[in-house]
C-alpha atoms as a PDB file:
ATOM      1  CA  UNK A   1     160.794-111.191  91.708  1.00  0.00           C
ATOM      2  CA  UNK A   2     161.030-114.797  92.365  1.00  0.00           C
ATOM      3  CA  UNK A   3     157.584-116.262  92.627  1.00  0.00           C
ATOM      4  CA  UNK A   4     156.453-118.634  95.779  1.00  0.00           C
ATOM      5  CA  UNK A   5     153.177-119.710  96.530  1.00  0.00           C
ATOM      6  CA  UNK A   6     151.633-117.379  99.272  1.00  0.00           C
ATOM      7  CA  UNK A   7     151.505-119.727 102.583  1.00  0.00           C
ATOM      8  CA  UNK A   8     154.057-122.225 101.438  1.00  0.00           C
ATOM      9  CA  UNK A   9     157.622-122.386 102.810  1.00  0.00           C
ATOM     10  CA  UNK A  10     159.721-121.107 100.003  1.00  0.00           C
ATOM     11  CA  UNK A  11     162.445-123.163  98.429  1.00  0.00           C
ATOM     12  CA  UNK A  12     165.472-123.000 100.414  1.00  0.00           C
ATOM     13  CA  UNK A  13     163.764-122.231 103.781  1.00  0.00           C
ATOM     14  CA  UNK A  14     163.316-124.528 106.751  1.00  0.00           C
ATOM     15  CA  UNK A  15     160.755-124.288 109.628  1.00  0.00           C
ATOM     16  CA  UNK A  16     161.931-124.723 113.080  1.00  0.00           C
ATOM     17  CA  UNK A  17     161.052-124.079 116.797  1.00  0.00           C
ATOM     18  CA  UNK A  18     162.912-122.317 119.710  1.00  0.00           C
ATOM     19  CA  UNK A  19     161.858-123.006 123.498  1.00  0.00           C
ATOM     20  CA  UNK A  20     162.047-119.775 124.933  1.00  0.00           C
ATOM     21  CA  UNK A  21     161.489-118.335 128.395  1.00  0.00           C
ATOM     22  CA  UNK A  22     157.649-117.917 127.528  1.00  0.00           C
ATOM     23  CA  UNK A  23     156.903-121.041 125.203  1.00  0.00           C
ATOM     24  CA  UNK A  24     158.010-122.026 121.757  1.00  0.00           C
ATOM     25  CA  UNK A  25     158.449-119.866 119.043  1.00  0.00           C
ATOM     26  CA  UNK A  26     158.085-121.011 115.358  1.00  0.00           C
ATOM     27  CA  UNK A  27     160.452-119.569 112.766  1.00  0.00           C
ATOM     28  CA  UNK A  28     161.432-119.892 109.254  1.00  0.00           C
ATOM     29  CA  UNK A  29     165.164-119.679 108.077  1.00  0.00           C
ATOM     30  CA  UNK A  30     166.633-119.486 104.667  1.00  0.00           C
ATOM     31  CA  UNK A  31     169.458-122.374 103.735  1.00  0.00           C
ATOM     32  CA  UNK A  32     172.912-121.807 104.982  1.00  0.00           C
ATOM     33  CA  UNK A  33     175.329-120.503 102.245  1.00  0.00           C
ATOM     34  CA  UNK A  34     178.430-118.716 102.594  1.00  0.00           C
ATOM     35  CA  UNK A  35     176.665-114.999 102.934  1.00  0.00           C
ATOM     36  CA  UNK A  36     179.274-112.240 103.286  1.00  0.00           C
ATOM     37  CA  UNK A  37     176.183-109.996 104.434  1.00  0.00           C
ATOM     38  CA  UNK A  38     174.842-109.858 107.895  1.00  0.00           C
ATOM     39  CA  UNK A  39     171.533-111.737 108.576  1.00  0.00           C
ATOM     40  CA  UNK A  40     168.117-110.293 108.398  1.00  0.00           C
ATOM     41  CA  UNK A  41     165.330-110.794 111.018  1.00  0.00           C
ATOM     42  CA  UNK A  42     161.689-110.029 110.015  1.00  0.00           C
ATOM     43  CA  UNK A  43     159.017-109.192 112.618  1.00  0.00           C
ATOM     44  CA  UNK A  44     155.655-109.407 111.622  1.00  0.00           C
ATOM     45  CA  UNK A  45     152.758-106.954 112.664  1.00  0.00           C
ATOM     46  CA  UNK A  46     149.546-107.007 114.705  1.00  0.00           C
ATOM     47  CA  UNK A  47     147.657-110.205 113.992  1.00  0.00           C
ATOM     48  CA  UNK A  48     149.908-111.332 111.397  1.00  0.00           C
ATOM     49  CA  UNK A  49     152.373-114.153 111.167  1.00  0.00           C
ATOM     50  CA  UNK A  50     155.528-115.658 109.182  1.00  0.00           C
ATOM     51  CA  UNK A  51     153.632-116.495 105.912  1.00  0.00           C
ATOM     52  CA  UNK A  52     152.617-112.714 105.300  1.00  0.00           C
ATOM     53  CA  UNK A  53     156.102-111.956 104.285  1.00  0.00           C
ATOM     54  CA  UNK A  54     156.033-114.787 101.509  1.00  0.00           C
ATOM     55  CA  UNK A  55     156.031-112.680  98.567  1.00  0.00           C
ATOM     56  CA  UNK A  56     159.369-111.085  99.255  1.00  0.00           C
ATOM     57  CA  UNK A  57     161.210-113.864 101.102  1.00  0.00           C
ATOM     58  CA  UNK A  58     163.103-115.336  97.844  1.00  0.00           C
ATOM     59  CA  UNK A  59     164.274-112.350  96.941  1.00  0.00           C
ATOM     60  CA  UNK A  60     165.547-111.129 100.589  1.00  0.00           C
ATOM     61  CA  UNK A  61     167.098-114.626 100.749  1.00  0.00           C
ATOM     62  CA  UNK A  62     169.174-114.046  97.528  1.00  0.00           C
ATOM     63  CA  UNK A  63     170.993-111.376  99.088  1.00  0.00           C
ATOM     64  CA  UNK A  64     170.999-112.141 103.087  1.00  0.00           C
ATOM     65  CA  UNK A  65     170.692-115.068 105.586  1.00  0.00           C
ATOM     66  CA  UNK A  66     166.889-114.552 106.266  1.00  0.00           C
ATOM     67  CA  UNK A  67     164.821-115.495 109.434  1.00  0.00           C
ATOM     68  CA  UNK A  68     161.510-114.650 110.367  1.00  0.00           C
ATOM     69  CA  UNK A  69     159.557-115.631 113.615  1.00  0.00           C
ATOM     70  CA  UNK A  70     155.844-115.424 115.000  1.00  0.00           C
ATOM     71  CA  UNK A  71     155.637-113.430 117.903  1.00  0.00           C
ATOM     72  CA  UNK A  72     154.341-114.996 121.002  1.00  0.00           C
ATOM     73  CA  UNK A  73     150.521-114.958 120.813  1.00  0.00           C
ATOM     74  CA  UNK A  74     150.562-114.859 116.827  1.00  0.00           C
ATOM     75  CA  UNK A  75     150.968-117.446 114.188  1.00  0.00           C
ATOM     76  CA  UNK A  76     151.559-120.877 115.409  1.00  0.00           C
ATOM     77  CA  UNK A  77     153.898-119.707 118.398  1.00  0.00           C
ATOM     78  CA  UNK A  78     152.807-120.500 121.670  1.00  0.00           C
ATOM     79  CA  UNK A  79     149.957-118.359 123.378  1.00  0.00           C
ATOM     80  CA  UNK A  80     150.986-116.368 126.470  1.00  0.00           C
ATOM     81  CA  UNK A  81     150.161-117.163 129.764  1.00  0.00           C
ATOM     82  CA  UNK A  82     150.815-113.509 130.982  1.00  0.00           C
ATOM     83  CA  UNK A  83     149.608-110.382 129.316  1.00  0.00           C
ATOM     84  CA  UNK A  84     151.831-109.122 126.589  1.00  0.00           C
ATOM     85  CA  UNK A  85     153.822-106.159 126.166  1.00  0.00           C
ATOM     86  CA  UNK A  86     156.353-104.465 123.686  1.00  0.00           C
ATOM     87  CA  UNK A  87     159.213-105.387 126.177  1.00  0.00           C
ATOM     88  CA  UNK A  88     158.253-109.064 126.210  1.00  0.00           C
ATOM     89  CA  UNK A  89     158.312-109.493 122.610  1.00  0.00           C
ATOM     90  CA  UNK A  90     161.551-107.500 122.456  1.00  0.00           C
ATOM     91  CA  UNK A  91     163.058-109.868 124.762  1.00  0.00           C
ATOM     92  CA  UNK A  92     161.597-112.949 122.798  1.00  0.00           C
ATOM     93  CA  UNK A  93     163.447-111.491 119.596  1.00  0.00           C
ATOM     94  CA  UNK A  94     166.528-110.891 121.767  1.00  0.00           C
ATOM     95  CA  UNK A  95     166.736-114.491 122.914  1.00  0.00           C
ATOM     96  CA  UNK A  96     166.065-115.569 119.240  1.00  0.00           C
ATOM     97  CA  UNK A  97     168.851-113.570 117.908  1.00  0.00           C
ATOM     98  CA  UNK A  98     171.018-114.644 120.696  1.00  0.00           C
ATOM     99  CA  UNK A  99     170.183-118.751 120.581  1.00  0.00           C
ATOM    100  CA  UNK A 100     169.426-118.918 116.643  1.00  0.00           C
ATOM    101  CA  UNK A 101     171.066-116.245 114.630  1.00  0.00           C
ATOM    102  CA  UNK A 102     174.196-116.246 116.571  1.00  0.00           C
ATOM    103  CA  UNK A 103     175.047-112.681 115.786  1.00  0.00           C
ATOM    104  CA  UNK A 104     173.776-109.049 115.586  1.00  0.00           C
ATOM    105  CA  UNK A 105     171.035-108.772 112.742  1.00  0.00           C
ATOM    106  CA  UNK A 106     169.495-105.994 110.885  1.00  0.00           C
ATOM    107  CA  UNK A 107     165.917-106.084 112.255  1.00  0.00           C
ATOM    108  CA  UNK A 108     162.881-105.389 109.942  1.00  0.00           C
ATOM    109  CA  UNK A 109     159.691-104.762 111.797  1.00  0.00           C
ATOM    110  CA  UNK A 110     156.364-104.175 110.245  1.00  0.00           C
ATOM    111  CA  UNK A 111     153.479-102.253 112.137  1.00  0.00           C
ATOM    112  CA  UNK A 112     153.337-103.688 115.695  1.00  0.00           C
ATOM    113  CA  UNK A 113     156.472-105.597 114.637  1.00  0.00           C
ATOM    114  CA  UNK A 114     158.008-102.160 114.207  1.00  0.00           C
ATOM    115  CA  UNK A 115     157.419-101.068 117.783  1.00  0.00           C
ATOM    116  CA  UNK A 116     159.084-104.258 118.773  1.00  0.00           C
ATOM    117  CA  UNK A 117     162.034-103.874 116.494  1.00  0.00           C
ATOM    118  CA  UNK A 118     162.377-100.231 117.728  1.00  0.00           C
ATOM    119  CA  UNK A 119     162.372-101.521 121.520  1.00  0.00           C
ATOM    120  CA  UNK A 120     164.806-104.180 120.848  1.00  0.00           C
ATOM    121  CA  UNK A 121     167.198-101.724 119.406  1.00  0.00           C
ATOM    122  CA  UNK A 122     166.970 -99.615 122.330  1.00  0.00           C
ATOM    123  CA  UNK A 123     167.101-102.451 125.092  1.00  0.00           C
ATOM    124  CA  UNK A 124     169.596-104.853 123.354  1.00  0.00           C
ATOM    125  CA  UNK A 125     171.683-102.453 121.109  1.00  0.00           C
ATOM    126  CA  UNK A 126     174.451-105.264 121.148  1.00  0.00           C
ATOM    127  CA  UNK A 127     172.076-107.521 119.169  1.00  0.00           C
ATOM    128  CA  UNK A 128     171.115-105.033 116.208  1.00  0.00           C
ATOM    129  CA  UNK A 129     173.030-103.622 113.347  1.00  0.00           C
ATOM    130  CA  UNK A 130     170.345-101.521 111.936  1.00  0.00           C
ATOM    131  CA  UNK A 131     166.475-100.935 111.993  1.00  0.00           C
ATOM    132  CA  UNK A 132     163.883-100.855 109.467  1.00  0.00           C
ATOM    133  CA  UNK A 133     160.367 -99.799 110.251  1.00  0.00           C
ATOM    134  CA  UNK A 134     157.695-100.640 107.809  1.00  0.00           C
ATOM    135  CA  UNK A 135     154.276 -98.563 108.586  1.00  0.00           C
ATOM    136  CA  UNK A 136     155.269 -98.867 112.296  1.00  0.00           C
ATOM    137  CA  UNK A 137     153.037 -98.382 115.237  1.00  0.00           C
ATOM    138  CA  UNK A 138     154.687 -96.663 118.374  1.00  0.00           C
ATOM    139  CA  UNK A 139     152.990 -93.344 118.620  1.00  0.00           C
ATOM    140  CA  UNK A 140     149.959 -92.989 120.667  1.00  0.00           C
ATOM    141  CA  UNK A 141     146.913 -90.802 120.710  1.00  0.00           C
ATOM    142  CA  UNK A 142     146.742 -90.155 116.824  1.00  0.00           C
ATOM    143  CA  UNK A 143     142.741 -90.511 116.485  1.00  0.00           C
ATOM    144  CA  UNK A 144     142.388 -87.034 115.207  1.00  0.00           C
ATOM    145  CA  UNK A 145     144.148 -88.312 111.741  1.00  0.00           C
ATOM    146  CA  UNK A 146     141.573 -90.633 111.060  1.00  0.00           C
ATOM    147  CA  UNK A 147     138.352 -90.756 109.136  1.00  0.00           C
ATOM    148  CA  UNK A 148     134.810 -90.626 111.009  1.00  0.00           C
ATOM    149  CA  UNK A 149     134.036 -94.339 110.236  1.00  0.00           C
ATOM    150  CA  UNK A 150     137.441 -95.395 111.400  1.00  0.00           C
ATOM    151  CA  UNK A 151     137.018 -93.570 114.698  1.00  0.00           C
ATOM    152  CA  UNK A 152     133.515 -95.015 115.115  1.00  0.00           C
ATOM    153  CA  UNK A 153     135.050 -98.424 114.803  1.00  0.00           C
ATOM    154  CA  UNK A 154     137.771 -97.902 117.399  1.00  0.00           C
ATOM    155  CA  UNK A 155     135.241 -96.339 119.572  1.00  0.00           C
ATOM    156  CA  UNK A 156     133.137 -99.338 119.242  1.00  0.00           C
ATOM    157  CA  UNK A 157     136.074-101.634 119.926  1.00  0.00           C
ATOM    158  CA  UNK A 158     136.856-100.007 123.262  1.00  0.00           C
ATOM    159  CA  UNK A 159     133.299-100.368 124.559  1.00  0.00           C
ATOM    160  CA  UNK A 160     132.705-103.133 127.039  1.00  0.00           C
ATOM    161  CA  UNK A 161     130.887-106.091 125.615  1.00  0.00           C
ATOM    162  CA  UNK A 162     130.528-104.547 122.285  1.00  0.00           C
ATOM    163  CA  UNK A 163     133.919-105.444 121.047  1.00  0.00           C
ATOM    164  CA  UNK A 164     133.561-108.997 122.248  1.00  0.00           C
ATOM    165  CA  UNK A 165     130.349-109.497 120.426  1.00  0.00           C
ATOM    166  CA  UNK A 166     131.514-107.964 117.139  1.00  0.00           C
ATOM    167  CA  UNK A 167     134.785-110.112 117.456  1.00  0.00           C
ATOM    168  CA  UNK A 168     132.963-113.363 118.212  1.00  0.00           C
ATOM    169  CA  UNK A 169     129.996-113.123 116.073  1.00  0.00           C
ATOM    170  CA  UNK A 170     131.642-112.536 112.697  1.00  0.00           C
ATOM    171  CA  UNK A 171     133.792-115.500 112.499  1.00  0.00           C
ATOM    172  CA  UNK A 172     137.470-115.652 111.092  1.00  0.00           C
ATOM    173  CA  UNK A 173     136.642-115.146 107.420  1.00  0.00           C
ATOM    174  CA  UNK A 174     134.636-112.011 107.765  1.00  0.00           C
ATOM    175  CA  UNK A 175     137.139-110.677 110.441  1.00  0.00           C
ATOM    176  CA  UNK A 176     140.167-111.426 108.169  1.00  0.00           C
ATOM    177  CA  UNK A 177     138.574-109.764 105.077  1.00  0.00           C
ATOM    178  CA  UNK A 178     137.406-106.615 106.931  1.00  0.00           C
ATOM    179  CA  UNK A 179     140.785-106.562 108.773  1.00  0.00           C
ATOM    180  CA  UNK A 180     142.755-106.604 105.501  1.00  0.00           C
ATOM    181  CA  UNK A 181     140.383-104.243 103.535  1.00  0.00           C
ATOM    182  CA  UNK A 182     141.088-101.725 106.441  1.00  0.00           C
ATOM    183  CA  UNK A 183     144.943-101.652 105.908  1.00  0.00           C
ATOM    184  CA  UNK A 184     145.346-102.493 101.967  1.00  0.00           C
ATOM    185  CA  UNK A 185     145.392 -99.837  99.407  1.00  0.00           C
ATOM    186  CA  UNK A 186     145.634-102.360  96.745  1.00  0.00           C
ATOM    187  CA  UNK A 187     142.416-104.317  97.384  1.00  0.00           C
ATOM    188  CA  UNK A 188     143.068-106.455  94.401  1.00  0.00           C
ATOM    189  CA  UNK A 189     145.792-108.271  96.490  1.00  0.00           C
ATOM    190  CA  UNK A 190     143.200-109.392  99.066  1.00  0.00           C
ATOM    191  CA  UNK A 191     142.993-112.672  97.430  1.00  0.00           C
ATOM    192  CA  UNK A 192     141.723-115.969  98.653  1.00  0.00           C
ATOM    193  CA  UNK A 193     145.237-117.469  99.366  1.00  0.00           C
ATOM    194  CA  UNK A 194     145.869-114.487 101.664  1.00  0.00           C
ATOM    195  CA  UNK A 195     142.823-114.738 103.529  1.00  0.00           C
ATOM    196  CA  UNK A 196     143.674-118.368 103.988  1.00  0.00           C
ATOM    197  CA  UNK A 197     147.042-118.089 105.956  1.00  0.00           C
ATOM    198  CA  UNK A 198     145.052-115.894 108.353  1.00  0.00           C
ATOM    199  CA  UNK A 199     141.939-118.085 109.220  1.00  0.00           C
ATOM    200  CA  UNK A 200     143.596-121.020 110.974  1.00  0.00           C
ATOM    201  CA  UNK A 201     144.874-118.222 113.534  1.00  0.00           C
ATOM    202  CA  UNK A 202     141.415-117.359 114.552  1.00  0.00           C
ATOM    203  CA  UNK A 203     139.607-120.409 115.139  1.00  0.00           C
ATOM    204  CA  UNK A 204     139.433-120.102 119.105  1.00  0.00           C
ATOM    205  CA  UNK A 205     137.466-117.288 120.778  1.00  0.00           C
ATOM    206  CA  UNK A 206     140.582-116.775 123.086  1.00  0.00           C
ATOM    207  CA  UNK A 207     142.519-115.859 119.744  1.00  0.00           C
ATOM    208  CA  UNK A 208     139.781-113.317 119.095  1.00  0.00           C
ATOM    209  CA  UNK A 209     139.929-111.864 122.636  1.00  0.00           C
ATOM    210  CA  UNK A 210     143.758-111.806 122.816  1.00  0.00           C
ATOM    211  CA  UNK A 211     143.671-109.520 119.678  1.00  0.00           C
ATOM    212  CA  UNK A 212     140.770-107.285 121.130  1.00  0.00           C
ATOM    213  CA  UNK A 213     142.723-106.933 124.265  1.00  0.00           C
ATOM    214  CA  UNK A 214     145.870-105.390 122.186  1.00  0.00           C
ATOM    215  CA  UNK A 215     143.555-102.991 120.113  1.00  0.00           C
ATOM    216  CA  UNK A 216     141.938-101.683 123.316  1.00  0.00           C
ATOM    217  CA  UNK A 217     145.349-100.915 124.962  1.00  0.00           C
ATOM    218  CA  UNK A 218     147.385-100.025 121.518  1.00  0.00           C
ATOM    219  CA  UNK A 219     148.296 -96.274 123.215  1.00  0.00           C
ATOM    220  CA  UNK A 220     150.047 -98.304 125.798  1.00  0.00           C
ATOM    221  CA  UNK A 221     152.212-100.007 123.008  1.00  0.00           C
ATOM    222  CA  UNK A 222     153.709 -96.539 122.196  1.00  0.00           C
ATOM    223  CA  UNK A 223     157.669 -96.073 122.245  1.00  0.00           C
ATOM    224  CA  UNK A 224     158.985 -94.353 125.316  1.00  0.00           C
ATOM    225  CA  UNK A 225     162.137 -93.367 123.523  1.00  0.00           C
ATOM    226  CA  UNK A 226     164.234 -90.210 123.123  1.00  0.00           C
ATOM    227  CA  UNK A 227     166.366 -88.938 120.212  1.00  0.00           C
ATOM    228  CA  UNK A 228     169.588 -90.941 120.646  1.00  0.00           C
ATOM    229  CA  UNK A 229     168.380 -93.795 122.318  1.00  0.00           C
ATOM    230  CA  UNK A 230     168.747 -95.520 119.127  1.00  0.00           C
ATOM    231  CA  UNK A 231     172.011 -95.263 117.679  1.00  0.00           C
ATOM    232  CA  UNK A 232     172.153 -97.826 114.779  1.00  0.00           C
ATOM    233  CA  UNK A 233     171.190 -96.984 111.331  1.00  0.00           C
ATOM    234  CA  UNK A 234     167.122 -96.462 110.755  1.00  0.00           C
ATOM    235  CA  UNK A 235     165.256 -96.587 107.644  1.00  0.00           C
ATOM    236  CA  UNK A 236     161.544 -95.602 107.883  1.00  0.00           C
ATOM    237  CA  UNK A 237     159.405 -97.317 105.038  1.00  0.00           C
ATOM    238  CA  UNK A 238     156.051 -96.025 104.357  1.00  0.00           C
ATOM    239  CA  UNK A 239     153.139 -97.084 101.797  1.00  0.00           C
ATOM    240  CA  UNK A 240     152.152 -93.522 100.448  1.00  0.00           C
ATOM    241  CA  UNK A 241     148.314 -94.519 100.472  1.00  0.00           C
ATOM    242  CA  UNK A 242     148.348 -96.416 103.788  1.00  0.00           C
ATOM    243  CA  UNK A 243     144.966 -96.105 105.058  1.00  0.00           C
ATOM    244  CA  UNK A 244     145.831 -97.516 108.489  1.00  0.00           C
ATOM    245  CA  UNK A 245     148.590 -95.248 109.572  1.00  0.00           C
ATOM    246  CA  UNK A 246     148.793 -91.760 107.742  1.00  0.00           C
ATOM    247  CA  UNK A 247     151.942 -91.051 105.875  1.00  0.00           C
ATOM    248  CA  UNK A 248     152.669 -88.185 108.044  1.00  0.00           C
ATOM    249  CA  UNK A 249     153.413 -90.384 110.809  1.00  0.00           C
ATOM    250  CA  UNK A 250     156.596 -91.463 109.093  1.00  0.00           C
ATOM    251  CA  UNK A 251     158.085 -87.897 109.552  1.00  0.00           C
ATOM    252  CA  UNK A 252     156.560 -87.806 113.109  1.00  0.00           C
ATOM    253  CA  UNK A 253     158.624 -91.067 114.052  1.00  0.00           C
ATOM    254  CA  UNK A 254     161.798 -89.314 112.286  1.00  0.00           C
ATOM    255  CA  UNK A 255     161.219 -85.895 114.372  1.00  0.00           C
ATOM    256  CA  UNK A 256     160.274 -87.530 117.485  1.00  0.00           C
ATOM    257  CA  UNK A 257     162.570 -90.542 117.894  1.00  0.00           C
ATOM    258  CA  UNK A 258     165.118 -91.263 115.052  1.00  0.00           C
ATOM    259  CA  UNK A 259     166.397 -87.718 113.617  1.00  0.00           C
ATOM    260  CA  UNK A 260     169.096 -89.787 111.785  1.00  0.00           C
ATOM    261  CA  UNK A 261     166.709 -92.059 110.253  1.00  0.00           C
ATOM    262  CA  UNK A 262     166.243 -92.145 106.439  1.00  0.00           C
ATOM    263  CA  UNK A 263     162.513 -92.077 105.085  1.00  0.00           C
ATOM    264  CA  UNK A 264     161.545 -93.866 102.011  1.00  0.00           C
ATOM    265  CA  UNK A 265     157.878 -93.905 100.586  1.00  0.00           C
ATOM    266  CA  UNK A 266     156.781 -96.726  98.331  1.00  0.00           C
ATOM    267  CA  UNK A 267     154.540 -95.477  95.780  1.00  0.00           C
ATOM    268  CA  UNK A 268     150.752 -96.725  94.909  1.00  0.00           C
ATOM    269  CA  UNK A 269     150.706 -99.088  98.419  1.00  0.00           C
ATOM    270  CA  UNK A 270     148.929 -99.326 101.633  1.00  0.00           C
ATOM    271  CA  UNK A 271     150.047-100.500 104.866  1.00  0.00           C
ATOM    272  CA  UNK A 272     151.357-103.892 103.799  1.00  0.00           C
ATOM    273  CA  UNK A 273     153.905-102.901 101.079  1.00  0.00           C
ATOM    274  CA  UNK A 274     156.000-106.096 100.947  1.00  0.00           C
ATOM    275  CA  UNK A 275     152.593-108.028  99.950  1.00  0.00           C
ATOM    276  CA  UNK A 276     150.948-105.090  98.151  1.00  0.00           C
ATOM    277  CA  UNK A 277     153.711-103.799  95.780  1.00  0.00           C
ATOM    278  CA  UNK A 278     156.327-106.559  96.476  1.00  0.00           C
ATOM    279  CA  UNK A 279     158.747-105.431  93.609  1.00  0.00           C
ATOM    280  CA  UNK A 280     158.387-101.675  94.975  1.00  0.00           C
ATOM    281  CA  UNK A 281     159.116-102.974  98.324  1.00  0.00           C
ATOM    282  CA  UNK A 282     162.499-104.847  97.554  1.00  0.00           C
ATOM    283  CA  UNK A 283     163.410-101.851  95.472  1.00  0.00           C
ATOM    284  CA  UNK A 284     163.163 -99.791  98.407  1.00  0.00           C
ATOM    285  CA  UNK A 285     164.675-102.002 101.043  1.00  0.00           C
ATOM    286  CA  UNK A 286     167.569-103.915  99.217  1.00  0.00           C
ATOM    287  CA  UNK A 287     169.742-100.998  98.462  1.00  0.00           C
ATOM    288  CA  UNK A 288     169.574-100.059 102.078  1.00  0.00           C
ATOM    289  CA  UNK A 289     170.434-103.294 103.331  1.00  0.00           C
ATOM    290  CA  UNK A 290     173.376-103.610 100.945  1.00  0.00           C
ATOM    291  CA  UNK A 291     174.649-100.186 102.483  1.00  0.00           C
ATOM    292  CA  UNK A 292     174.486-101.566 105.947  1.00  0.00           C
ATOM    293  CA  UNK A 293     176.305-104.537 104.787  1.00  0.00           C
ATOM    294  CA  UNK A 294     179.113-102.429 103.393  1.00  0.00           C
ATOM    295  CA  UNK A 295     179.366-100.901 106.731  1.00  0.00           C
ATOM    296  CA  UNK A 296     180.063-104.160 108.227  1.00  0.00           C
ATOM    297  CA  UNK A 297     181.653-106.877 106.441  1.00  0.00           C
ATOM    298  CA  UNK A 298     182.997-109.213 109.111  1.00  0.00           C
ATOM    299  CA  UNK A 299     180.461-111.386 110.889  1.00  0.00           C
ATOM    300  CA  UNK A 300     180.584-110.660 114.485  1.00  0.00           C
ATOM    301  CA  UNK A 301     180.049-113.625 116.653  1.00  0.00           C
ATOM    302  CA  UNK A 302     177.830-113.456 120.066  1.00  0.00           C
ATOM    303  CA  UNK A 303     178.946-115.269 123.115  1.00  0.00           C
ATOM    304  CA  UNK A 304     177.454-118.576 123.894  1.00  0.00           C
ATOM    305  CA  UNK A 305     174.108-118.072 125.244  1.00  0.00           C
ATOM    306  CA  UNK A 306     173.235-118.772 129.060  1.00  0.00           C
ATOM    307  CA  UNK A 307     170.738-121.426 129.527  1.00  0.00           C
ATOM    308  CA  UNK A 308     167.203-120.230 129.228  1.00  0.00           C
ATOM    309  CA  UNK A 309     165.792-119.085 132.777  1.00  0.00           C
ATOM    310  CA  UNK A 310     162.243-117.838 133.855  1.00  0.00           C
ATOM    311  CA  UNK A 311     162.391-113.947 133.212  1.00  0.00           C
ATOM    312  CA  UNK A 312     160.075-112.183 135.342  1.00  0.00           C
ATOM    313  CA  UNK A 313     158.338-109.132 133.757  1.00  0.00           C
ATOM    314  CA  UNK A 314     160.033-105.878 134.821  1.00  0.00           C
ATOM    315  CA  UNK A 315     158.208-103.081 136.593  1.00  0.00           C
ATOM    316  CA  UNK A 316     158.365-101.478 133.039  1.00  0.00           C
ATOM    317  CA  UNK A 317     156.692-104.029 131.339  1.00  0.00           C
ATOM    318  CA  UNK A 318     154.202-104.523 133.632  1.00  0.00           C
ATOM    319  CA  UNK A 319     153.273-100.877 133.289  1.00  0.00           C
ATOM    320  CA  UNK A 320     152.394-101.761 129.377  1.00  0.00           C
ATOM    321  CA  UNK A 321     150.577-105.018 129.856  1.00  0.00           C
ATOM    322  CA  UNK A 322     147.345-105.583 128.436  1.00  0.00           C
ATOM    323  CA  UNK A 323     145.118-108.430 129.762  1.00  0.00           C
END
């Protein structure tokens, strides 16, 4: 593994911004080099940001052009003036691929980012070469899979005023630590520099309330796909000790949505294997990326993007909006 300071821009990467339909998107991209392999776009999960990928960015960039972005409402991308939905975030990433990447990409999504990646592949298939889903969300009504204390927590979040009081009372540090403890199996990896990258995104009451609104309607972020709606290659990666999304969900995804998908388990890892066990994560992901590269050796250029226009949410996206 190539070492890089967590939270720091890795050597050979640049930070830029894209003005989109709903605000600015912050993104990192690796240095331009004569790559013959297709670009890879990384989509973070719930409450996360670009920096969370830091432990694996150098190794990924050694093999592919790498792009990572903050979804609207998270990280340092603009806050939304309308409710979020998987369709809106998928449109954000589609615009990003069209206007920044410039050719179809392999899309890697973690947790909520997996839902966005899958929706992107279904709604904008011309922009996606393949999809890797890491501990993805997208399956509703899975409360019966959790332990009693986890069910009690989500019950509290759903309760009016209780969730607001808890979210605002504990502050950024305690909230971040408890969030990471809930999803990490390798808790020794919850280190001060990791906590430090999350705290600046939780400085305002509106940040907490935005995240609370998403948690309360997480079932509305379920994927509404049928087998065959996504035809590109799919890899399902899962930490074999994921405390947040039980392992059996990996196979539920495969059975329900992606029967052609390959499932790979990452040993001794939890919900965030790219940070908990970065070497094992790269060992699982990089050969699959190389296999996708072998299937498409020539870059495919997209037509020049149309000038940005205000896009109104569709009836479908309005059905999944959260306040």
